[in-house]
Amino acid sequence: MIILCFYVFRKHHISQGIVNIVFNMGMYPLSIQWFGALSIIPIELYNDTPGKHKWKYFFYLFYPLHIVIFVGIKIFLIK
């Protein structure tokens, strides 16, 4: 849902920040998800121009891998 809202408000950075805070802090009261609201910092710093280095494939791997690592840690801690 947050990705859809980011797409809808792609030209309105303040609205993206509000959506980010509402989803990360409003839907999960007093949880670790609140740290997700900090993601607005790099999102707001993005200026719609590609960087010097092509990091696309790194992030294609990083996102699913870090989720798998977190799930693995959770499973390990629960057992």
Protein backbone atom coordinates (compact mmCIF):
# COMPACT_ATOMS: atom_id res chain seq x y z
CA MET A 1 0.00 0.00 0.00
CA ILE A 2 2.81 2.40 0.82
CA ILE A 3 4.43 1.76 -2.57
CA LEU A 4 1.17 2.60 -4.32
CA CYS A 5 0.89 5.83 -2.30
CA PHE A 6 4.48 6.73 -3.13
CA TYR A 7 3.65 6.28 -6.81
CA VAL A 8 0.50 8.40 -6.56
CA PHE A 9 2.41 11.17 -4.74
CA ARG A 10 5.63 10.83 -6.77
CA LYS A 11 5.66 14.56 -7.59
CA HIS A 12 4.68 15.66 -4.06
CA HIS A 13 7.52 14.97 -1.66
CA ILE A 14 5.77 16.36 1.42
CA SER A 15 2.82 14.04 0.79
CA GLN A 16 5.24 11.11 0.51
CA GLY A 17 6.70 12.02 3.88
CA ILE A 18 3.26 12.17 5.47
CA VAL A 19 2.28 8.81 3.93
CA ASN A 20 5.53 7.29 5.18
CA ILE A 21 4.94 8.50 8.73
CA VAL A 22 1.28 7.44 8.73
CA PHE A 23 2.04 3.93 7.49
CA ASN A 24 5.15 3.33 9.59
CA MET A 25 4.10 5.00 12.82
CA GLY A 26 0.32 5.11 12.65
CA MET A 27 -0.39 1.53 11.71
CA TYR A 28 2.17 0.00 14.08
CA PRO A 29 2.00 1.80 17.41
CA LEU A 30 5.17 1.56 19.51
CA SER A 31 6.97 -1.02 17.40
CA ILE A 32 10.28 -1.32 15.61
CA GLN A 33 8.45 -0.39 12.39
CA TRP A 34 8.74 3.24 13.53
CA PHE A 35 12.34 3.16 12.28
CA GLY A 36 10.85 2.77 8.78
CA ALA A 37 9.83 6.41 9.00
CA LEU A 38 13.54 7.28 8.81
CA SER A 39 13.55 6.02 5.23
CA ILE A 40 12.05 9.34 4.22
CA ILE A 41 15.50 10.94 4.59
CA PRO A 42 17.15 9.25 1.57
CA ILE A 43 13.87 9.32 -0.34
CA GLU A 44 13.67 13.10 0.03
CA LEU A 45 17.33 13.52 -0.95
CA TYR A 46 16.76 11.77 -4.29
CA ASN A 47 16.73 14.34 -7.10
CA ASP A 48 15.46 12.20 -10.03
CA THR A 49 18.88 11.93 -11.65
CA PRO A 50 20.81 8.69 -11.93
CA GLY A 51 23.95 8.50 -9.85
CA LYS A 52 27.50 8.08 -10.98
CA HIS A 53 27.52 4.39 -10.14
CA LYS A 54 24.97 1.92 -11.35
CA TRP A 55 23.68 0.32 -8.15
CA LYS A 56 20.47 -1.11 -9.64
CA TYR A 57 21.49 -4.77 -9.50
CA PHE A 58 22.94 -4.41 -6.00
CA PHE A 59 19.57 -3.22 -4.70
CA TYR A 60 17.73 -5.91 -6.67
CA LEU A 61 19.71 -8.42 -4.60
CA PHE A 62 19.94 -6.48 -1.34
CA TYR A 63 16.23 -6.04 -0.74
CA PRO A 64 15.15 -9.69 -0.90
CA LEU A 65 18.33 -10.89 0.81
CA HIS A 66 17.96 -8.62 3.83
CA ILE A 67 14.35 -9.75 4.24
CA VAL A 68 15.46 -13.41 4.13
CA ILE A 69 18.18 -12.67 6.70
CA PHE A 70 15.68 -10.99 9.04
CA VAL A 71 13.26 -13.91 8.72
CA GLY A 72 16.13 -16.32 9.42
CA ILE A 73 17.11 -14.37 12.54
CA LYS A 74 13.51 -14.37 13.71
CA ILE A 75 13.18 -18.13 13.17
CA PHE A 76 16.48 -18.71 14.95
CA LEU A 77 15.47 -16.58 17.94
CA ILE A 78 12.04 -18.18 18.25
CA LYS A 79 13.48 -21.73 18.42
